[in-house]
């Protein structure tokens, strides 16, 4: 394709915006088509009650991969990043708690209140993740190799990745091979003995997945996330104004590079002719001619909602259909008339700082596993694992003066929820059952939080509950899965989204993928978008 030709991108999520940015820098004419009234995908800020705004879905930055931030000149964009310290507060029943600071030595001193042994081990654990950071980061930034006929570049990438792995030494390589398939509960137990400490770190391996801490391969998810941020408890960085500020900044960078962005432009159909992309049809009937199309939405939606499936090879279609993408996450937003008081914190000294990062509710491994157990049978737990933020502590502009927003991820909330059949005689699992259970989920979250902050129920002025069903119907995540497909060993690297098609291309000539359903598919880092852009530019040229 000659440089300067039009490339249409479906969806205005962060990966699509980053792909469009690089395509424009590469000399093409990208057109981003976003169906909603704003860009952002899962990274948006919305008003959920008069005067109260929240990061509707994602509430922390990945962070963006360093090279992507540098190319975007992110420091020049209108997006201030707030970095709390401590970054995680974890209360437990009985008044115990842990604070995780940016500085490892300070965190170790906090852990020493519970266990001197674990305090000493914490520095070793942090160093281990630091060593793995560059190794796994190398893998995250490359395009998965072709299995049948790897190119010279594939061999070079694998050589570089192998050289990084060799830098770990014999014992390090052995540990990496052993840890990947391991349950994250076993992984953290190799380092720590304190239940609360184990649970907070292990949670990083199950967040957003259909995995419990005793599930095989959950350590691989933790290690994948360590490639974005090697801190033992992960990232805690919030854009002022919510996550919508981040994607607005990405959109500004894209426009400056030459990208055209249209909102309220829902793509209804990708036209295919003779096995190649011919153009797009919008929901209002408008037809757009494009020499190539890049989908930032999930693979299942791309191939079964936006294409005529008869255009697909049957084997490929079956593989995409079998991609596991049943979500397990819900979101609850509370408009509060005041600040909740957590009884395990001193209400004076450092109180506000301690609550300004992420708040982890899940005091032990078995607690997290029991929450997961409920989802396997189509139920949400009466004691869910929660990741909570009070964003108004760092950014008071999100709520009226003196009031606050509480935002909570809820796990595990299965996409298909159990409920009685029409005749009341059998139990059926269906996403539509969420309509009747929405308030129950919200009440469960409030009841769970009230064990740690007893004054919370009396502060609530409004509650918004976003179910997995809402994630599919309102926000476009098939199956309600926030990562466009399960993060599991059999759906990572050369198998994301499916084997033989992990290089951002598809069997349809001129159709590409750039969303989280591709490698590495891990949160707001931009890796999928940047990797896809590199391959698309090479292919189109």
Protein backbone atom coordinates (compact mmCIF):
# COMPACT_ATOMS: atom_id res chain seq x y z
CA UNK A 1 0.00 0.00 0.00
CA UNK A 2 1.39 3.44 -0.87
CA UNK A 3 2.16 5.72 2.05
CA UNK A 4 -0.62 8.25 2.63
CA UNK A 5 -3.50 5.84 2.17
CA UNK A 6 -6.38 5.74 4.61
CA UNK A 7 -6.46 3.23 7.44
CA UNK A 8 -9.66 3.02 9.50
CA UNK A 9 -9.54 2.02 13.16
CA UNK A 10 -12.57 0.60 14.95
CA UNK A 11 -12.92 1.89 18.51
CA UNK A 12 -11.23 4.75 20.34
CA UNK A 13 -9.67 2.87 23.27
CA UNK A 14 -6.13 3.61 24.39
CA UNK A 15 -4.56 0.88 22.23
CA UNK A 16 -6.36 2.07 19.09
CA UNK A 17 -5.29 5.67 19.74
CA UNK A 18 -1.68 4.60 20.19
CA UNK A 19 -1.80 2.48 17.02
CA UNK A 20 -3.28 5.43 15.11
CA UNK A 21 -0.55 7.72 16.45
CA UNK A 22 2.21 5.45 15.16
CA UNK A 23 0.44 4.93 11.82
CA UNK A 24 0.25 8.70 11.32
CA UNK A 25 3.94 9.02 12.21
CA UNK A 26 4.57 6.29 9.63
CA UNK A 27 2.97 8.36 6.87
CA UNK A 28 -0.53 6.87 6.71
CA UNK A 29 -3.88 8.64 7.17
CA UNK A 30 -5.60 6.99 10.16
CA UNK A 31 -9.29 7.51 10.82
CA UNK A 32 -10.46 6.47 14.31
CA UNK A 33 -14.18 5.61 14.54
CA UNK A 34 -15.58 5.53 18.09
CA UNK A 35 -19.20 4.49 18.60
CA UNK A 36 -19.72 6.33 21.88
CA UNK A 37 -19.76 10.08 22.41
CA UNK A 38 -16.21 10.06 23.79
CA UNK A 39 -12.95 8.28 23.12
CA UNK A 40 -11.39 6.07 25.77
CA UNK A 41 -12.94 2.59 25.66
CA UNK A 42 -12.34 1.25 29.17
CA UNK A 43 -10.43 4.39 30.24
CA UNK A 44 -13.09 7.08 30.62
CA UNK A 45 -14.40 9.52 33.21
CA UNK A 46 -18.17 9.96 33.56
CA UNK A 47 -20.60 11.68 35.90
CA UNK A 48 -22.57 8.97 37.73
CA UNK A 49 -24.50 11.31 40.07
CA UNK A 50 -24.91 15.10 39.86
CA UNK A 51 -21.51 16.59 40.71
CA UNK A 52 -19.83 13.20 41.21
CA UNK A 53 -17.40 11.88 38.58
CA UNK A 54 -15.50 8.59 38.49
CA UNK A 55 -13.16 6.62 36.28
CA UNK A 56 -15.98 4.41 35.09
CA UNK A 57 -14.04 1.22 34.37
CA UNK A 58 -10.23 1.30 34.69
CA UNK A 59 -9.11 3.48 37.58
CA UNK A 60 -5.30 3.29 37.46
CA UNK A 61 -2.69 3.66 34.71
CA UNK A 62 -0.77 0.59 33.57
CA UNK A 63 1.74 2.42 33.47
CA UNK A 64 2.37 3.30 29.81
CA UNK A 65 5.44 1.53 28.45
CA UNK A 66 8.42 3.86 28.70
CA UNK A 67 9.24 3.96 24.98
CA UNK A 68 5.59 4.71 24.13
CA UNK A 69 5.44 7.57 26.64
CA UNK A 70 8.66 8.93 25.14
CA UNK A 71 7.37 8.74 21.55
CA UNK A 72 4.12 10.44 22.54
CA UNK A 73 6.09 13.12 24.42
CA UNK A 74 3.68 12.38 27.20
CA UNK A 75 5.31 14.92 29.52
CA UNK A 76 4.08 17.66 27.17
CA UNK A 77 0.48 16.46 27.13
CA UNK A 78 -2.25 17.94 29.31
CA UNK A 79 -2.42 15.01 31.71
CA UNK A 80 -1.10 15.32 35.25
CA UNK A 81 -0.36 11.97 36.87
CA UNK A 82 -0.93 11.71 40.63
CA UNK A 83 1.26 9.16 42.40
CA UNK A 84 0.17 8.36 45.97
CA UNK A 85 2.51 7.07 48.65
CA UNK A 86 1.67 4.61 50.13
CA UNK A 87 0.31 3.05 46.98
CA UNK A 88 -1.70 0.26 48.69
CA UNK A 89 -3.51 0.06 52.04
CA UNK A 90 -4.68 -3.41 53.08
CA UNK A 91 -6.88 -3.73 56.18
CA UNK A 92 -7.71 -7.04 57.85
CA UNK A 93 -10.29 -8.07 60.46
CA UNK A 94 -9.27 -7.40 64.05
CA UNK A 95 -7.72 -4.01 63.34
CA UNK A 96 -4.59 -5.23 61.54
CA UNK A 97 -3.37 -3.61 58.33
CA UNK A 98 -0.45 -3.23 55.96
CA UNK A 99 0.78 -0.22 54.00
CA UNK A 100 2.87 -0.65 50.85
CA UNK A 101 5.04 2.36 50.07
CA UNK A 102 6.89 3.28 46.90
CA UNK A 103 10.15 2.81 48.82
CA UNK A 104 10.82 -0.87 49.56
CA UNK A 105 12.71 -0.20 52.79
CA UNK A 106 9.77 1.74 54.18
CA UNK A 107 7.40 -1.10 53.27
CA UNK A 108 9.74 -3.62 54.90
CA UNK A 109 9.62 -1.60 58.14
CA UNK A 110 5.82 -1.76 57.99
CA UNK A 111 5.88 -5.53 57.37
CA UNK A 112 8.22 -5.99 60.36
CA UNK A 113 5.26 -5.15 62.64
CA UNK A 114 3.85 -8.51 61.54
CA UNK A 115 6.94 -10.58 60.77
CA UNK A 116 10.67 -9.79 60.91
CA UNK A 117 11.33 -12.71 58.58
CA UNK A 118 8.91 -11.40 55.96
CA UNK A 119 10.36 -7.90 56.25
CA UNK A 120 13.77 -9.29 55.33
CA UNK A 121 12.30 -11.41 52.53
CA UNK A 122 10.39 -8.45 51.04
CA UNK A 123 13.56 -6.78 49.78
CA UNK A 124 14.63 -10.07 48.18
CA UNK A 125 11.23 -10.47 46.53
CA UNK A 126 11.30 -6.91 45.18
CA UNK A 127 14.78 -7.53 43.79
CA UNK A 128 13.58 -10.73 42.11
CA UNK A 129 10.80 -8.86 40.31
CA UNK A 130 13.25 -6.13 39.32
CA UNK A 131 15.49 -8.75 37.69
CA UNK A 132 12.52 -10.23 35.85
CA UNK A 133 11.28 -6.78 34.77
CA UNK A 134 13.69 -6.42 31.85
CA UNK A 135 13.48 -10.09 30.86
CA UNK A 136 9.70 -10.27 30.61
CA UNK A 137 9.62 -6.70 29.32
CA UNK A 138 11.66 -7.86 26.32
CA UNK A 139 9.06 -10.54 25.58
CA UNK A 140 6.16 -8.11 26.04
CA UNK A 141 7.58 -5.66 23.51
CA UNK A 142 8.18 -8.13 20.65
CA UNK A 143 5.79 -9.63 18.14
CA UNK A 144 5.15 -13.32 18.85
CA UNK A 145 7.08 -15.43 16.32
CA UNK A 146 5.46 -17.32 13.48
CA UNK A 147 5.27 -20.95 14.55
CA UNK A 148 5.57 -22.68 11.16
CA UNK A 149 7.99 -20.37 9.35
CA UNK A 150 9.68 -17.86 11.66
CA UNK A 151 11.31 -14.92 9.90
CA UNK A 152 14.88 -13.72 10.44
CA UNK A 153 13.45 -10.97 12.63
CA UNK A 154 11.62 -13.59 14.71
CA UNK A 155 14.90 -15.37 15.29
CA UNK A 156 16.58 -12.10 16.21
CA UNK A 157 13.80 -11.21 18.68
CA UNK A 158 13.98 -14.65 20.23
CA UNK A 159 17.75 -14.35 20.43
CA UNK A 160 17.47 -11.04 22.29
CA UNK A 161 14.81 -12.46 24.60
CA UNK A 162 16.95 -15.56 25.18
CA UNK A 163 19.96 -13.40 25.97
CA UNK A 164 17.89 -11.55 28.58
CA UNK A 165 16.77 -14.84 30.09
CA UNK A 166 20.39 -16.03 30.25
CA UNK A 167 21.22 -12.94 32.31
CA UNK A 168 19.15 -14.46 35.11
CA UNK A 169 21.75 -17.19 35.60
CA UNK A 170 21.15 -20.91 35.99
CA UNK A 171 19.07 -20.66 39.17
CA UNK A 172 17.09 -17.69 37.85
CA UNK A 173 16.19 -19.51 34.65
CA UNK A 174 15.13 -22.57 36.62
CA UNK A 175 12.95 -20.43 38.89
CA UNK A 176 11.31 -18.63 35.96
CA UNK A 177 10.45 -21.93 34.25
CA UNK A 178 9.10 -23.32 37.51
CA UNK A 179 7.12 -20.25 38.54
CA UNK A 180 5.22 -19.67 35.28
CA UNK A 181 2.80 -22.62 35.56
CA UNK A 182 2.59 -22.30 39.35
CA UNK A 183 -0.42 -21.24 41.41
CA UNK A 184 0.27 -17.75 42.74
CA UNK A 185 -0.64 -18.94 46.25
CA UNK A 186 2.34 -21.32 46.13
CA UNK A 187 4.54 -18.63 44.59
CA UNK A 188 4.03 -16.07 47.37
CA UNK A 189 4.33 -18.80 50.01
CA UNK A 190 7.91 -19.42 48.85
CA UNK A 191 8.75 -15.95 50.13
CA UNK A 192 6.28 -15.00 52.88
CA UNK A 193 4.44 -16.40 55.89
CA UNK A 194 2.06 -13.50 56.74
CA UNK A 195 -1.45 -14.16 55.38
CA UNK A 196 -2.28 -10.54 54.61
CA UNK A 197 1.02 -9.94 52.82
CA UNK A 198 0.59 -13.07 50.73
CA UNK A 199 -2.95 -12.11 49.77
CA UNK A 200 -2.13 -8.58 48.62
CA UNK A 201 0.71 -9.71 46.35
CA UNK A 202 -1.13 -12.81 45.10
CA UNK A 203 -4.13 -10.68 44.11
CA UNK A 204 -2.05 -9.23 41.31
CA UNK A 205 -2.07 -12.65 39.66
CA UNK A 206 -5.86 -13.00 39.66
CA UNK A 207 -7.16 -9.48 39.05
CA UNK A 208 -9.55 -9.42 36.10
CA UNK A 209 -9.24 -13.15 35.49
CA UNK A 210 -11.26 -16.32 35.99
CA UNK A 211 -8.48 -17.62 38.22
CA UNK A 212 -8.24 -18.06 41.96
CA UNK A 213 -4.94 -17.93 43.85
CA UNK A 214 -4.78 -21.74 43.79
CA UNK A 215 -5.31 -21.87 39.99
CA UNK A 216 -2.38 -23.17 37.94
CA UNK A 217 -0.75 -20.47 35.83
CA UNK A 218 -1.85 -17.53 37.98
CA UNK A 219 1.82 -16.76 38.71
CA UNK A 220 2.35 -16.18 34.98
CA UNK A 221 -0.25 -13.39 35.14
CA UNK A 222 1.58 -11.79 38.07
CA UNK A 223 4.90 -11.98 36.20
CA UNK A 224 3.30 -10.52 33.07
CA UNK A 225 2.16 -7.56 35.12
CA UNK A 226 5.62 -7.21 36.64
CA UNK A 227 6.83 -6.44 33.11
CA UNK A 228 4.83 -3.20 33.28
CA UNK A 229 5.62 -2.29 36.90
CA UNK A 230 8.04 -4.35 38.97
CA UNK A 231 6.79 -3.04 42.32
CA UNK A 232 5.49 -6.06 44.29
CA UNK A 233 1.94 -4.67 44.50
CA UNK A 234 1.87 -3.03 41.08
CA UNK A 235 0.93 0.41 39.90
CA UNK A 236 -1.01 3.14 41.68
CA UNK A 237 -1.08 6.20 39.43
CA UNK A 238 -4.15 8.30 38.74
CA UNK A 239 -4.61 11.01 36.10
CA UNK A 240 -6.08 14.22 37.49
CA UNK A 241 -9.65 14.29 36.23
CA UNK A 242 -9.88 10.49 36.04
CA UNK A 243 -8.83 8.02 33.36
CA UNK A 244 -10.68 10.04 30.74
CA UNK A 245 -7.91 12.64 31.03
CA UNK A 246 -5.38 10.04 29.90
CA UNK A 247 -7.25 9.01 26.77
CA UNK A 248 -8.11 12.62 25.92
CA UNK A 249 -4.37 13.33 26.06
CA UNK A 250 -3.66 10.31 23.84
CA UNK A 251 -6.29 11.58 21.40
CA UNK A 252 -4.65 15.02 21.38
CA UNK A 253 -1.27 13.44 20.60
CA UNK A 254 -2.84 11.39 17.82
CA UNK A 255 -4.56 14.41 16.27
CA UNK A 256 -1.33 16.39 16.41
CA UNK A 257 0.36 13.55 14.51
CA UNK A 258 -2.33 13.70 11.82
CA UNK A 259 -5.04 11.29 13.00
CA UNK A 260 -8.70 12.04 12.30
CA UNK A 261 -11.02 11.00 15.16
CA UNK A 262 -14.80 10.72 14.90
CA UNK A 263 -17.09 9.98 17.84
CA UNK A 264 -20.72 8.80 17.63
CA UNK A 265 -19.53 6.80 14.64
CA UNK A 266 -20.49 3.21 15.36
CA UNK A 267 -19.13 0.64 12.92
CA UNK A 268 -21.79 -1.88 11.97
CA UNK A 269 -20.04 -3.91 9.27
CA UNK A 270 -16.61 -4.50 7.77
CA UNK A 271 -17.09 -5.15 4.07
CA UNK A 272 -15.04 -8.03 2.64
CA UNK A 273 -14.44 -8.68 -1.06
CA UNK A 274 -12.34 -11.54 -2.41
CA UNK A 275 -10.86 -12.26 1.01
CA UNK A 276 -9.72 -8.66 1.59
CA UNK A 277 -11.07 -5.57 3.35
CA UNK A 278 -13.15 -3.33 1.07
CA UNK A 279 -14.44 -0.75 3.55
CA UNK A 280 -16.76 -0.07 6.48
CA UNK A 281 -20.44 0.62 7.00
CA UNK A 282 -21.54 2.74 9.96
CA UNK A 283 -24.74 2.26 11.93
CA UNK A 284 -26.31 5.29 10.19
CA UNK A 285 -25.64 3.72 6.77
CA UNK A 286 -22.59 5.78 5.85
CA UNK A 287 -20.00 3.82 3.88
CA UNK A 288 -16.29 4.51 4.32
CA UNK A 289 -13.67 3.33 1.88
CA UNK A 290 -10.45 2.17 3.56
CA UNK A 291 -7.51 0.25 2.23
CA UNK A 292 -6.96 -1.34 5.65
CA UNK A 293 -8.97 -1.71 8.85
CA UNK A 294 -7.58 -2.09 12.38
CA UNK A 295 -9.93 -3.34 15.08
CA UNK A 296 -9.38 -2.15 18.62
CA UNK A 297 -12.39 -4.07 19.90
CA UNK A 298 -12.18 -7.64 21.14
CA UNK A 299 -11.61 -10.54 18.71
CA UNK A 300 -15.02 -12.13 19.21
CA UNK A 301 -16.86 -8.88 18.53
CA UNK A 302 -14.62 -8.22 15.53
CA UNK A 303 -15.17 -11.55 13.82
CA UNK A 304 -18.73 -12.43 14.83
CA UNK A 305 -20.43 -9.02 15.11
CA UNK A 306 -18.64 -6.85 12.54
CA UNK A 307 -17.96 -9.46 9.84
CA UNK A 308 -20.01 -11.99 7.97
CA UNK A 309 -18.68 -15.17 9.68
CA UNK A 310 -19.09 -17.11 6.43
CA UNK A 311 -16.07 -15.15 5.18
CA UNK A 312 -13.88 -16.88 7.78
CA UNK A 313 -11.97 -20.12 7.50
CA UNK A 314 -13.94 -22.66 9.60
CA UNK A 315 -10.90 -23.70 11.64
CA UNK A 316 -10.04 -20.09 12.45
CA UNK A 317 -13.68 -19.30 13.30
CA UNK A 318 -13.84 -22.27 15.68
CA UNK A 319 -10.67 -21.19 17.44
CA UNK A 320 -11.96 -17.64 17.93
CA UNK A 321 -15.29 -18.97 19.14
CA UNK A 322 -13.44 -21.06 21.74
CA UNK A 323 -11.46 -18.13 23.14
CA UNK A 324 -12.41 -17.89 26.81
CA UNK A 325 -13.76 -14.40 27.45
CA UNK A 326 -16.29 -14.69 30.27
CA UNK A 327 -15.75 -11.73 32.59
CA UNK A 328 -15.56 -11.95 36.37
CA UNK A 329 -15.43 -8.25 37.32
CA UNK A 330 -18.10 -5.73 38.29
CA UNK A 331 -17.67 -2.10 39.31
CA UNK A 332 -19.44 -0.14 42.06
CA UNK A 333 -19.30 3.64 42.48
CA UNK A 334 -20.50 5.36 45.64
CA UNK A 335 -21.26 9.07 46.01
CA UNK A 336 -20.39 9.83 49.62
CA UNK A 337 -21.38 12.75 51.82
CA UNK A 338 -18.15 12.41 53.80
CA UNK A 339 -15.01 10.34 54.22
CA UNK A 340 -15.23 6.73 55.45
CA UNK A 341 -13.16 6.04 58.56
CA UNK A 342 -11.22 2.78 58.48
CA UNK A 343 -10.83 1.57 62.06
CA UNK A 344 -7.41 0.00 61.49
CA UNK A 345 -5.90 3.43 60.72
CA UNK A 346 -5.01 6.21 63.11
CA UNK A 347 -7.67 8.87 62.26
CA UNK A 348 -5.11 11.68 62.57
CA UNK A 349 -1.58 10.67 61.61
CA UNK A 350 -1.20 9.96 57.89
CA UNK A 351 -4.86 8.98 57.61
CA UNK A 352 -5.59 10.69 54.29
CA UNK A 353 -2.29 9.63 52.70
CA UNK A 354 -2.96 6.00 53.63
CA UNK A 355 -6.27 6.02 51.78
CA UNK A 356 -5.15 7.94 48.70
CA UNK A 357 -3.84 4.92 46.77
CA UNK A 358 -5.49 1.55 46.22
CA UNK A 359 -7.33 -0.18 49.07
CA UNK A 360 -7.14 -3.98 49.01
CA UNK A 361 -9.97 -5.95 50.62
CA UNK A 362 -9.05 -9.63 50.72
CA UNK A 363 -7.13 -10.48 53.91
CA UNK A 364 -5.91 -13.98 53.13
CA UNK A 365 -5.40 -16.47 50.31
CA UNK A 366 -8.33 -18.63 51.34
CA UNK A 367 -10.61 -15.56 51.37
CA UNK A 368 -9.67 -14.86 47.74
CA UNK A 369 -10.16 -18.50 46.79
CA UNK A 370 -13.61 -18.65 48.37
CA UNK A 371 -14.62 -15.53 46.45
CA UNK A 372 -13.51 -17.29 43.27
CA UNK A 373 -15.32 -20.50 44.21
CA UNK A 374 -18.70 -18.76 44.19
CA UNK A 375 -18.21 -17.56 40.61
CA UNK A 376 -17.62 -21.10 39.34
CA UNK A 377 -21.23 -21.89 40.20
CA UNK A 378 -22.74 -18.72 38.78
CA UNK A 379 -22.82 -16.72 42.03
CA UNK A 380 -21.02 -13.70 43.40
CA UNK A 381 -19.44 -14.09 46.80
CA UNK A 382 -21.01 -12.73 49.98
CA UNK A 383 -17.42 -11.73 50.88
CA UNK A 384 -15.91 -10.47 47.60
CA UNK A 385 -12.35 -9.47 46.83
CA UNK A 386 -12.37 -5.70 46.31
CA UNK A 387 -9.90 -3.21 44.89
CA UNK A 388 -11.05 0.20 46.07
CA UNK A 389 -10.03 3.79 45.45
CA UNK A 390 -11.08 7.12 46.97
CA UNK A 391 -9.93 9.30 44.05
CA UNK A 392 -11.25 12.52 45.57
CA UNK A 393 -8.49 12.49 48.20
CA UNK A 394 -5.94 13.34 45.51
CA UNK A 395 -8.37 15.02 43.13
CA UNK A 396 -11.19 16.86 44.97
CA UNK A 397 -12.55 18.18 41.63
CA UNK A 398 -14.29 14.82 41.08
CA UNK A 399 -16.99 15.55 43.70
CA UNK A 400 -18.72 18.55 45.31
CA UNK A 401 -16.72 20.27 48.03
CA UNK A 402 -16.37 18.15 51.18
CA UNK A 403 -17.80 15.05 49.47
CA UNK A 404 -16.11 11.97 48.08
CA UNK A 405 -16.23 9.24 45.43
CA UNK A 406 -15.54 5.61 46.28
CA UNK A 407 -14.84 3.31 43.33
CA UNK A 408 -14.57 -0.47 43.77
CA UNK A 409 -13.69 -3.34 41.48
CA UNK A 410 -15.63 -6.42 42.60
CA UNK A 411 -14.42 -9.99 42.15
CA UNK A 412 -15.69 -12.41 41.44
CA UNK A 413 -18.86 -11.50 39.55
CA UNK A 414 -19.58 -14.09 36.82
CA UNK A 415 -20.89 -12.93 33.45
CA UNK A 416 -23.57 -15.63 33.52
CA UNK A 417 -25.33 -15.41 36.87
CA UNK A 418 -27.38 -18.25 38.32
CA UNK A 419 -31.09 -17.66 38.73
CA UNK A 420 -34.40 -19.49 38.80
CA UNK A 421 -36.03 -20.57 35.56
CA UNK A 422 -39.35 -19.09 34.47
CA UNK A 423 -41.24 -21.91 36.19
CA UNK A 424 -39.05 -21.64 39.28
CA UNK A 425 -38.14 -25.33 39.16
CA UNK A 426 -34.56 -25.21 37.87
CA UNK A 427 -31.50 -23.01 38.11
CA UNK A 428 -30.22 -21.42 34.91
CA UNK A 429 -27.15 -19.28 34.26
CA UNK A 430 -27.70 -16.16 32.18
CA UNK A 431 -26.25 -12.68 31.85
CA UNK A 432 -29.80 -11.29 31.96
CA UNK A 433 -30.15 -12.45 35.57
CA UNK A 434 -28.01 -9.45 36.56
CA UNK A 435 -30.95 -7.08 36.16
CA UNK A 436 -32.61 -8.57 39.24
CA UNK A 437 -29.41 -8.86 41.28
CA UNK A 438 -27.77 -5.49 40.62
CA UNK A 439 -28.76 -3.97 43.97
CA UNK A 440 -27.82 -7.16 45.81
CA UNK A 441 -24.27 -6.87 44.49
CA UNK A 442 -24.02 -3.23 45.54
CA UNK A 443 -25.36 -4.01 48.99
CA UNK A 444 -22.84 -6.83 49.35
CA UNK A 445 -19.99 -4.43 48.54
CA UNK A 446 -21.23 -1.91 51.11
CA UNK A 447 -21.67 -4.61 53.75
CA UNK A 448 -18.15 -5.92 53.08
CA UNK A 449 -16.59 -2.47 53.31
CA UNK A 450 -18.55 -1.64 56.46
CA UNK A 451 -16.60 -4.32 58.31
CA UNK A 452 -13.54 -2.10 57.89
CA UNK A 453 -15.19 1.35 57.75
CA UNK A 454 -18.36 1.16 59.89
CA UNK A 455 -19.51 4.71 59.10
CA UNK A 456 -19.62 4.07 55.34
CA UNK A 457 -23.32 3.07 54.95
CA UNK A 458 -24.48 6.34 56.53
CA UNK A 459 -22.45 8.40 54.05
CA UNK A 460 -23.93 6.99 50.83
CA UNK A 461 -25.91 9.44 48.72
CA UNK A 462 -26.00 7.35 45.54
CA UNK A 463 -24.76 3.99 44.28
CA UNK A 464 -23.98 2.95 40.69
CA UNK A 465 -23.46 -0.75 39.93
CA UNK A 466 -21.89 -1.80 36.63
CA UNK A 467 -22.39 -5.53 36.06
CA UNK A 468 -20.51 -7.81 33.64
CA UNK A 469 -23.64 -7.69 31.48
CA UNK A 470 -23.35 -3.88 31.36
CA UNK A 471 -19.71 -4.21 30.35
CA UNK A 472 -20.86 -6.09 27.25
CA UNK A 473 -24.01 -4.17 26.30
CA UNK A 474 -22.95 -0.61 27.17
CA UNK A 475 -19.18 -0.63 26.87
CA UNK A 476 -18.66 -3.30 24.20
CA UNK A 477 -16.60 -5.93 26.06
CA UNK A 478 -17.80 -9.31 24.79
CA UNK A 479 -18.61 -11.55 27.74
CA UNK A 480 -17.93 -8.61 30.04
CA UNK A 481 -14.22 -9.39 29.92
CA UNK A 482 -12.15 -6.25 30.57
CA UNK A 483 -9.02 -7.72 28.92
CA UNK A 484 -10.82 -8.91 25.73
CA UNK A 485 -10.05 -12.53 26.62
CA UNK A 486 -8.83 -14.57 29.55
CA UNK A 487 -5.26 -14.04 30.70
CA UNK A 488 -4.11 -17.64 31.03
CA UNK A 489 -1.12 -19.65 29.86
CA UNK A 490 -3.01 -21.10 26.89
CA UNK A 491 -4.14 -17.61 25.77
CA UNK A 492 -0.86 -15.71 26.01
CA UNK A 493 2.02 -14.85 23.64
CA UNK A 494 1.86 -17.04 20.49
CA UNK A 495 -1.68 -18.11 21.45
CA UNK A 496 -3.22 -14.64 21.89
CA UNK A 497 -5.82 -14.47 20.52
CA UNK A 498 -5.29 -17.88 18.90
CA UNK A 499 -2.43 -20.05 17.67
CA UNK A 500 -1.07 -19.09 14.22
CA UNK A 501 -2.67 -15.62 14.40
CA UNK A 502 -0.81 -13.85 17.21
CA UNK A 503 1.00 -11.32 14.98
CA UNK A 504 -1.81 -8.70 14.82
CA UNK A 505 -2.77 -9.86 11.30
CA UNK A 506 -5.93 -11.83 10.52
CA UNK A 507 -6.89 -14.25 7.72
CA UNK A 508 -8.69 -11.32 6.04
CA UNK A 509 -6.17 -9.32 4.01
CA UNK A 510 -5.97 -5.76 5.25
CA UNK A 511 -7.71 -6.50 8.57
CA UNK A 512 -5.66 -6.23 11.76
CA UNK A 513 -6.16 -6.36 15.52
CA UNK A 514 -4.63 -3.97 18.05
CA UNK A 515 -6.67 -4.36 21.26
CA UNK A 516 -6.11 -6.15 24.54
CA UNK A 517 -7.11 -9.43 22.91
CA UNK A 518 -3.65 -9.47 21.32
CA UNK A 519 -0.20 -9.95 22.87
CA UNK A 520 0.48 -8.96 25.62
CA UNK A 521 -3.05 -7.76 26.44
CA UNK A 522 -2.32 -6.47 29.88
CA UNK A 523 -4.03 -3.29 31.06
CA UNK A 524 -3.25 0.33 30.26
CA UNK A 525 0.35 -0.05 29.09
CA UNK A 526 -0.16 0.59 25.36
CA UNK A 527 1.94 -2.45 24.42
CA UNK A 528 -0.68 -4.13 22.23
CA UNK A 529 -1.29 -0.91 20.31
CA UNK A 530 2.38 -0.10 19.75
CA UNK A 531 3.32 -3.66 18.78
CA UNK A 532 0.40 -3.84 16.36
CA UNK A 533 1.34 -0.52 14.73
CA UNK A 534 4.86 -1.76 14.06
CA UNK A 535 3.58 -4.88 12.27
CA UNK A 536 0.82 -3.06 10.39
CA UNK A 537 3.22 -0.45 9.01
CA UNK A 538 5.65 -3.15 7.90
CA UNK A 539 2.86 -5.17 6.26
CA UNK A 540 1.23 -2.25 4.46
CA UNK A 541 4.53 -1.04 3.09
